[in-house]
Amino acid sequence: MIQANTQKSPSDVTPSALSTNKEKHFIEDELFEKLLAIREDIYQKTEINVSPRKLVNMLLKKSDFEALRDQLIQQYL
């Protein structure tokens, strides 16, 4: 007799099942909304959809990490 595999693969997990878990975000909701607004502005002018991930990566590349480091050091002293 053949036994059916009842385990779900990761691709079988529905988005609604994922939403029941506590969601973790890398950026705050307010900043994400600003990012989406920038994305919409780009689309309105160019009719090209830029992924939010690409925008975040571009922002990280242009960020002044030294100034951020100094700001956090001062904050936590």
PDB file of N, CA and C in Angstrom:
ATOM      1  N   MET A   1       0.837  -1.172   0.000  1.00  0.00           N
ATOM      2  CA  MET A   1       0.000   0.000   0.000  1.00  0.00           C
ATOM      3  C   MET A   1       0.895   1.254   0.000  1.00  0.00           C
ATOM      4  N   ILE A   2       0.526   2.259  -0.760  1.00  0.00           N
ATOM      5  CA  ILE A   2       1.302   3.495  -0.867  1.00  0.00           C
ATOM      6  C   ILE A   2       0.773   4.505   0.148  1.00  0.00           C
ATOM      7  N   GLN A   3       1.694   5.080   0.898  1.00  0.00           N
ATOM      8  CA  GLN A   3       1.309   6.065   1.911  1.00  0.00           C
ATOM      9  C   GLN A   3       1.482   7.463   1.326  1.00  0.00           C
ATOM     10  N   ALA A   4       0.468   8.288   1.442  1.00  0.00           N
ATOM     11  CA  ALA A   4       0.519   9.656   0.913  1.00  0.00           C
ATOM     12  C   ALA A   4       1.345  10.535   1.837  1.00  0.00           C
ATOM     13  N   ASN A   5       2.077  11.435   1.232  1.00  0.00           N
ATOM     14  CA  ASN A   5       2.880  12.387   1.993  1.00  0.00           C
ATOM     15  C   ASN A   5       1.966  13.532   2.421  1.00  0.00           C
ATOM     16  N   THR A   6       1.763  13.693   3.724  1.00  0.00           N
ATOM     17  CA  THR A   6       0.844  14.715   4.220  1.00  0.00           C
ATOM     18  C   THR A   6       1.560  15.975   4.680  1.00  0.00           C
ATOM     19  N   GLN A   7       2.886  16.005   4.599  1.00  0.00           N
ATOM     20  CA  GLN A   7       3.620  17.198   5.001  1.00  0.00           C
ATOM     21  C   GLN A   7       3.538  18.241   3.902  1.00  0.00           C
ATOM     22  N   LYS A   8       3.442  19.490   4.314  1.00  0.00           N
ATOM     23  CA  LYS A   8       3.388  20.588   3.347  1.00  0.00           C
ATOM     24  C   LYS A   8       4.793  21.088   3.074  1.00  0.00           C
ATOM     25  N   SER A   9       5.046  21.380   1.824  1.00  0.00           N
ATOM     26  CA  SER A   9       6.322  21.999   1.477  1.00  0.00           C
ATOM     27  C   SER A   9       6.200  23.498   1.719  1.00  0.00           C
ATOM     28  N   PRO A  10       7.321  24.227   1.794  1.00  0.00           N
ATOM     29  CA  PRO A  10       7.250  25.679   2.014  1.00  0.00           C
ATOM     30  C   PRO A  10       6.432  26.396   0.947  1.00  0.00           C
ATOM     31  N   SER A  11       6.395  25.861  -0.274  1.00  0.00           N
ATOM     32  CA  SER A  11       5.632  26.521  -1.329  1.00  0.00           C
ATOM     33  C   SER A  11       4.134  26.347  -1.143  1.00  0.00           C
ATOM     34  N   ASP A  12       3.709  25.394  -0.288  1.00  0.00           N
ATOM     35  CA  ASP A  12       2.289  25.164  -0.034  1.00  0.00           C
ATOM     36  C   ASP A  12       1.727  26.098   1.037  1.00  0.00           C
ATOM     37  N   VAL A  13       2.571  26.858   1.687  1.00  0.00           N
ATOM     38  CA  VAL A  13       2.123  27.741   2.759  1.00  0.00           C
ATOM     39  C   VAL A  13       1.468  28.967   2.132  1.00  0.00           C
ATOM     40  N   THR A  14       0.259  29.267   2.559  1.00  0.00           N
ATOM     41  CA  THR A  14      -0.471  30.404   2.010  1.00  0.00           C
ATOM     42  C   THR A  14      -0.082  31.684   2.738  1.00  0.00           C
ATOM     43  N   PRO A  15      -0.238  32.836   2.066  1.00  0.00           N
ATOM     44  CA  PRO A  15       0.068  34.103   2.745  1.00  0.00           C
ATOM     45  C   PRO A  15      -0.768  34.312   3.995  1.00  0.00           C
ATOM     46  N   SER A  16      -2.021  33.839   4.006  1.00  0.00           N
ATOM     47  CA  SER A  16      -2.851  34.011   5.203  1.00  0.00           C
ATOM     48  C   SER A  16      -2.288  33.222   6.376  1.00  0.00           C
ATOM     49  N   ALA A  17      -1.661  32.083   6.082  1.00  0.00           N
ATOM     50  CA  ALA A  17      -1.044  31.299   7.148  1.00  0.00           C
ATOM     51  C   ALA A  17       0.170  32.030   7.705  1.00  0.00           C
ATOM     52  N   LEU A  18       0.876  32.735   6.857  1.00  0.00           N
ATOM     53  CA  LEU A  18       2.041  33.488   7.312  1.00  0.00           C
ATOM     54  C   LEU A  18       1.635  34.684   8.158  1.00  0.00           C
ATOM     55  N   SER A  19       0.494  35.283   7.861  1.00  0.00           N
ATOM     56  CA  SER A  19       0.084  36.479   8.591  1.00  0.00           C
ATOM     57  C   SER A  19      -0.316  36.174  10.034  1.00  0.00           C
ATOM     58  N   THR A  20      -0.579  34.910  10.350  1.00  0.00           N
ATOM     59  CA  THR A  20      -0.917  34.576  11.729  1.00  0.00           C
ATOM     60  C   THR A  20       0.319  34.621  12.621  1.00  0.00           C
ATOM     61  N   ASN A  21       1.503  34.484  12.044  1.00  0.00           N
ATOM     62  CA  ASN A  21       2.739  34.596  12.815  1.00  0.00           C
ATOM     63  C   ASN A  21       3.028  36.063  13.079  1.00  0.00           C
ATOM     64  N   LYS A  22       3.783  36.320  14.125  1.00  0.00           N
ATOM     65  CA  LYS A  22       4.175  37.700  14.406  1.00  0.00           C
ATOM     66  C   LYS A  22       5.121  38.160  13.306  1.00  0.00           C
ATOM     67  N   GLU A  23       4.735  39.216  12.614  1.00  0.00           N
ATOM     68  CA  GLU A  23       5.530  39.691  11.480  1.00  0.00           C
ATOM     69  C   GLU A  23       6.689  40.542  11.980  1.00  0.00           C
ATOM     70  N   LYS A  24       7.838  40.384  11.322  1.00  0.00           N
ATOM     71  CA  LYS A  24       9.010  41.179  11.644  1.00  0.00           C
ATOM     72  C   LYS A  24       9.326  42.056  10.444  1.00  0.00           C
ATOM     73  N   HIS A  25       9.670  43.303  10.717  1.00  0.00           N
ATOM     74  CA  HIS A  25       9.985  44.239   9.653  1.00  0.00           C
ATOM     75  C   HIS A  25      11.378  44.802   9.880  1.00  0.00           C
ATOM     76  N   PHE A  26      12.065  45.023   8.776  1.00  0.00           N
ATOM     77  CA  PHE A  26      13.398  45.603   8.866  1.00  0.00           C
ATOM     78  C   PHE A  26      13.342  47.112   8.998  1.00  0.00           C
ATOM     79  N   ILE A  27      12.293  47.726   8.457  1.00  0.00           N
ATOM     80  CA  ILE A  27      12.137  49.173   8.583  1.00  0.00           C
ATOM     81  C   ILE A  27      10.766  49.464   9.171  1.00  0.00           C
ATOM     82  N   GLU A  28      10.623  50.635   9.753  1.00  0.00           N
ATOM     83  CA  GLU A  28       9.365  51.026  10.368  1.00  0.00           C
ATOM     84  C   GLU A  28       8.312  51.267   9.288  1.00  0.00           C
ATOM     85  N   ASP A  29       7.054  51.102   9.668  1.00  0.00           N
ATOM     86  CA  ASP A  29       5.951  51.252   8.717  1.00  0.00           C
ATOM     87  C   ASP A  29       5.936  52.634   8.067  1.00  0.00           C
ATOM     88  N   GLU A  30       6.223  53.668   8.849  1.00  0.00           N
ATOM     89  CA  GLU A  30       6.217  55.035   8.319  1.00  0.00           C
ATOM     90  C   GLU A  30       7.267  55.194   7.215  1.00  0.00           C
ATOM     91  N   LEU A  31       8.454  54.654   7.447  1.00  0.00           N
ATOM     92  CA  LEU A  31       9.499  54.734   6.424  1.00  0.00           C
ATOM     93  C   LEU A  31       9.132  53.913   5.192  1.00  0.00           C
ATOM     94  N   PHE A  32       8.488  52.779   5.400  1.00  0.00           N
ATOM     95  CA  PHE A  32       8.064  51.952   4.277  1.00  0.00           C
ATOM     96  C   PHE A  32       7.020  52.685   3.439  1.00  0.00           C
ATOM     97  N   GLU A  33       6.120  53.405   4.094  1.00  0.00           N
ATOM     98  CA  GLU A  33       5.105  54.178   3.366  1.00  0.00           C
ATOM     99  C   GLU A  33       5.768  55.277   2.531  1.00  0.00           C
ATOM    100  N   LYS A  34       6.804  55.923   3.077  1.00  0.00           N
ATOM    101  CA  LYS A  34       7.540  56.930   2.308  1.00  0.00           C
ATOM    102  C   LYS A  34       8.206  56.295   1.098  1.00  0.00           C
ATOM    103  N   LEU A  35       8.743  55.110   1.287  1.00  0.00           N
ATOM    104  CA  LEU A  35       9.385  54.378   0.200  1.00  0.00           C
ATOM    105  C   LEU A  35       8.372  54.054  -0.897  1.00  0.00           C
ATOM    106  N   LEU A  36       7.180  53.645  -0.501  1.00  0.00           N
ATOM    107  CA  LEU A  36       6.138  53.353  -1.484  1.00  0.00           C
ATOM    108  C   LEU A  36       5.701  54.616  -2.231  1.00  0.00           C
ATOM    109  N   ALA A  37       5.693  55.746  -1.538  1.00  0.00           N
ATOM    110  CA  ALA A  37       5.347  57.011  -2.195  1.00  0.00           C
ATOM    111  C   ALA A  37       6.401  57.379  -3.234  1.00  0.00           C
ATOM    112  N   ILE A  38       7.669  57.174  -2.896  1.00  0.00           N
ATOM    113  CA  ILE A  38       8.753  57.434  -3.854  1.00  0.00           C
ATOM    114  C   ILE A  38       8.605  56.511  -5.055  1.00  0.00           C
ATOM    115  N   ARG A  39       8.287  55.261  -4.779  1.00  0.00           N
ATOM    116  CA  ARG A  39       8.094  54.274  -5.848  1.00  0.00           C
ATOM    117  C   ARG A  39       6.960  54.714  -6.774  1.00  0.00           C
ATOM    118  N   GLU A  40       5.874  55.206  -6.208  1.00  0.00           N
ATOM    119  CA  GLU A  40       4.737  55.672  -7.005  1.00  0.00           C
ATOM    120  C   GLU A  40       5.117  56.886  -7.850  1.00  0.00           C
ATOM    121  N   ASP A  41       5.883  57.819  -7.271  1.00  0.00           N
ATOM    122  CA  ASP A  41       6.346  58.987  -8.035  1.00  0.00           C
ATOM    123  C   ASP A  41       7.188  58.558  -9.236  1.00  0.00           C
ATOM    124  N   ILE A  42       8.069  57.597  -9.019  1.00  0.00           N
ATOM    125  CA  ILE A  42       8.909  57.094 -10.105  1.00  0.00           C
ATOM    126  C   ILE A  42       8.031  56.485 -11.193  1.00  0.00           C
ATOM    127  N   TYR A  43       7.022  55.724 -10.785  1.00  0.00           N
ATOM    128  CA  TYR A  43       6.141  55.096 -11.763  1.00  0.00           C
ATOM    129  C   TYR A  43       5.353  56.141 -12.551  1.00  0.00           C
ATOM    130  N   GLN A  44       4.863  57.172 -11.869  1.00  0.00           N
ATOM    131  CA  GLN A  44       4.082  58.204 -12.545  1.00  0.00           C
ATOM    132  C   GLN A  44       4.891  58.924 -13.621  1.00  0.00           C
ATOM    133  N   LYS A  45       6.183  59.083 -13.383  1.00  0.00           N
ATOM    134  CA  LYS A  45       7.029  59.809 -14.330  1.00  0.00           C
ATOM    135  C   LYS A  45       7.658  58.922 -15.390  1.00  0.00           C
ATOM    136  N   THR A  46       7.854  57.650 -15.094  1.00  0.00           N
ATOM    137  CA  THR A  46       8.581  56.785 -16.022  1.00  0.00           C
ATOM    138  C   THR A  46       7.791  55.566 -16.489  1.00  0.00           C
ATOM    139  N   GLU A  47       6.672  55.256 -15.820  1.00  0.00           N
ATOM    140  CA  GLU A  47       5.875  54.051 -16.072  1.00  0.00           C
ATOM    141  C   GLU A  47       6.690  52.769 -15.874  1.00  0.00           C
ATOM    142  N   ILE A  48       7.673  52.839 -14.986  1.00  0.00           N
ATOM    143  CA  ILE A  48       8.496  51.682 -14.622  1.00  0.00           C
ATOM    144  C   ILE A  48       8.314  51.428 -13.134  1.00  0.00           C
ATOM    145  N   ASN A  49       7.999  50.183 -12.793  1.00  0.00           N
ATOM    146  CA  ASN A  49       7.873  49.797 -11.386  1.00  0.00           C
ATOM    147  C   ASN A  49       9.240  49.396 -10.846  1.00  0.00           C
ATOM    148  N   VAL A  50       9.689  50.104  -9.838  1.00  0.00           N
ATOM    149  CA  VAL A  50      10.935  49.776  -9.164  1.00  0.00           C
ATOM    150  C   VAL A  50      10.556  49.007  -7.902  1.00  0.00           C
ATOM    151  N   SER A  51      11.239  47.917  -7.644  1.00  0.00           N
ATOM    152  CA  SER A  51      10.897  47.125  -6.463  1.00  0.00           C
ATOM    153  C   SER A  51      11.311  47.867  -5.187  1.00  0.00           C
ATOM    154  N   PRO A  52      10.523  47.725  -4.131  1.00  0.00           N
ATOM    155  CA  PRO A  52      10.906  48.344  -2.851  1.00  0.00           C
ATOM    156  C   PRO A  52      12.276  47.868  -2.380  1.00  0.00           C
ATOM    157  N   ARG A  53      12.601  46.609  -2.650  1.00  0.00           N
ATOM    158  CA  ARG A  53      13.906  46.075  -2.251  1.00  0.00           C
ATOM    159  C   ARG A  53      15.047  46.830  -2.940  1.00  0.00           C
ATOM    160  N   LYS A  54      14.873  47.125  -4.226  1.00  0.00           N
ATOM    161  CA  LYS A  54      15.904  47.871  -4.955  1.00  0.00           C
ATOM    162  C   LYS A  54      16.057  49.272  -4.377  1.00  0.00           C
ATOM    163  N   LEU A  55      14.940  49.903  -4.034  1.00  0.00           N
ATOM    164  CA  LEU A  55      15.018  51.241  -3.443  1.00  0.00           C
ATOM    165  C   LEU A  55      15.746  51.223  -2.110  1.00  0.00           C
ATOM    166  N   VAL A  56      15.464  50.224  -1.283  1.00  0.00           N
ATOM    167  CA  VAL A  56      16.143  50.112   0.010  1.00  0.00           C
ATOM    168  C   VAL A  56      17.635  49.901  -0.195  1.00  0.00           C
ATOM    169  N   ASN A  57      17.991  49.030  -1.123  1.00  0.00           N
ATOM    170  CA  ASN A  57      19.416  48.789  -1.397  1.00  0.00           C
ATOM    171  C   ASN A  57      20.114  50.051  -1.888  1.00  0.00           C
ATOM    172  N   MET A  58      19.446  50.816  -2.738  1.00  0.00           N
ATOM    173  CA  MET A  58      20.044  52.065  -3.230  1.00  0.00           C
ATOM    174  C   MET A  58      20.220  53.065  -2.093  1.00  0.00           C
ATOM    175  N   LEU A  59      19.235  53.142  -1.201  1.00  0.00           N
ATOM    176  CA  LEU A  59      19.342  54.044  -0.053  1.00  0.00           C
ATOM    177  C   LEU A  59      20.495  53.648   0.854  1.00  0.00           C
ATOM    178  N   LEU A  60      20.674  52.351   1.055  1.00  0.00           N
ATOM    179  CA  LEU A  60      21.774  51.886   1.901  1.00  0.00           C
ATOM    180  C   LEU A  60      23.124  52.233   1.294  1.00  0.00           C
ATOM    181  N   LYS A  61      23.233  52.133  -0.020  1.00  0.00           N
ATOM    182  CA  LYS A  61      24.497  52.448  -0.684  1.00  0.00           C
ATOM    183  C   LYS A  61      24.829  53.930  -0.577  1.00  0.00           C
ATOM    184  N   LYS A  62      23.814  54.783  -0.549  1.00  0.00           N
ATOM    185  CA  LYS A  62      24.049  56.224  -0.509  1.00  0.00           C
ATOM    186  C   LYS A  62      24.066  56.791   0.911  1.00  0.00           C
ATOM    187  N   SER A  63      23.762  55.954   1.877  1.00  0.00           N
ATOM    188  CA  SER A  63      23.706  56.421   3.263  1.00  0.00           C
ATOM    189  C   SER A  63      25.086  56.788   3.783  1.00  0.00           C
ATOM    190  N   ASP A  64      25.091  57.711   4.694  1.00  0.00           N
ATOM    191  CA  ASP A  64      26.323  58.113   5.352  1.00  0.00           C
ATOM    192  C   ASP A  64      26.429  57.311   6.648  1.00  0.00           C
ATOM    193  N   PHE A  65      27.037  56.138   6.546  1.00  0.00           N
ATOM    194  CA  PHE A  65      27.110  55.243   7.690  1.00  0.00           C
ATOM    195  C   PHE A  65      27.988  55.795   8.803  1.00  0.00           C
ATOM    196  N   GLU A  66      28.969  56.579   8.463  1.00  0.00           N
ATOM    197  CA  GLU A  66      29.822  57.157   9.503  1.00  0.00           C
ATOM    198  C   GLU A  66      29.031  58.146  10.351  1.00  0.00           C
ATOM    199  N   ALA A  67      28.200  58.960   9.719  1.00  0.00           N
ATOM    200  CA  ALA A  67      27.373  59.910  10.464  1.00  0.00           C
ATOM    201  C   ALA A  67      26.362  59.163  11.330  1.00  0.00           C
ATOM    202  N   LEU A  68      25.815  58.086  10.803  1.00  0.00           N
ATOM    203  CA  LEU A  68      24.879  57.276  11.571  1.00  0.00           C
ATOM    204  C   LEU A  68      25.564  56.646  12.784  1.00  0.00           C
ATOM    205  N   ARG A  69      26.764  56.127  12.566  1.00  0.00           N
ATOM    206  CA  ARG A  69      27.533  55.536  13.664  1.00  0.00           C
ATOM    207  C   ARG A  69      27.791  56.576  14.750  1.00  0.00           C
ATOM    208  N   ASP A  70      28.234  57.761  14.351  1.00  0.00           N
ATOM    209  CA  ASP A  70      28.525  58.819  15.315  1.00  0.00           C
ATOM    210  C   ASP A  70      27.271  59.244  16.078  1.00  0.00           C
ATOM    211  N   GLN A  71      26.155  59.331  15.372  1.00  0.00           N
ATOM    212  CA  GLN A  71      24.895  59.709  16.009  1.00  0.00           C
ATOM    213  C   GLN A  71      24.488  58.682  17.060  1.00  0.00           C
ATOM    214  N   LEU A  72      24.618  57.409  16.742  1.00  0.00           N
ATOM    215  CA  LEU A  72      24.239  56.367  17.695  1.00  0.00           C
ATOM    216  C   LEU A  72      25.190  56.308  18.881  1.00  0.00           C
ATOM    217  N   ILE A  73      26.469  56.529  18.651  1.00  0.00           N
ATOM    218  CA  ILE A  73      27.437  56.554  19.757  1.00  0.00           C
ATOM    219  C   ILE A  73      27.065  57.678  20.729  1.00  0.00           C
ATOM    220  N   GLN A  74      26.763  58.845  20.187  1.00  0.00           N
ATOM    221  CA  GLN A  74      26.393  59.973  21.042  1.00  0.00           C
ATOM    222  C   GLN A  74      25.092  59.685  21.795  1.00  0.00           C
ATOM    223  N   GLN A  75      24.163  59.036  21.122  1.00  0.00           N
ATOM    224  CA  GLN A  75      22.870  58.735  21.742  1.00  0.00           C
ATOM    225  C   GLN A  75      23.018  57.769  22.905  1.00  0.00           C
ATOM    226  N   TYR A  76      23.899  56.799  22.777  1.00  0.00           N
ATOM    227  CA  TYR A  76      24.022  55.761  23.798  1.00  0.00           C
ATOM    228  C   TYR A  76      25.097  56.050  24.846  1.00  0.00           C
ATOM    229  N   LEU A  77      25.799  57.155  24.742  1.00  0.00           N
ATOM    230  CA  LEU A  77      26.781  57.507  25.766  1.00  0.00           C
ATOM    231  C   LEU A  77      26.132  58.022  27.015  1.00  0.00           C
TER     232      LEU A  77
END
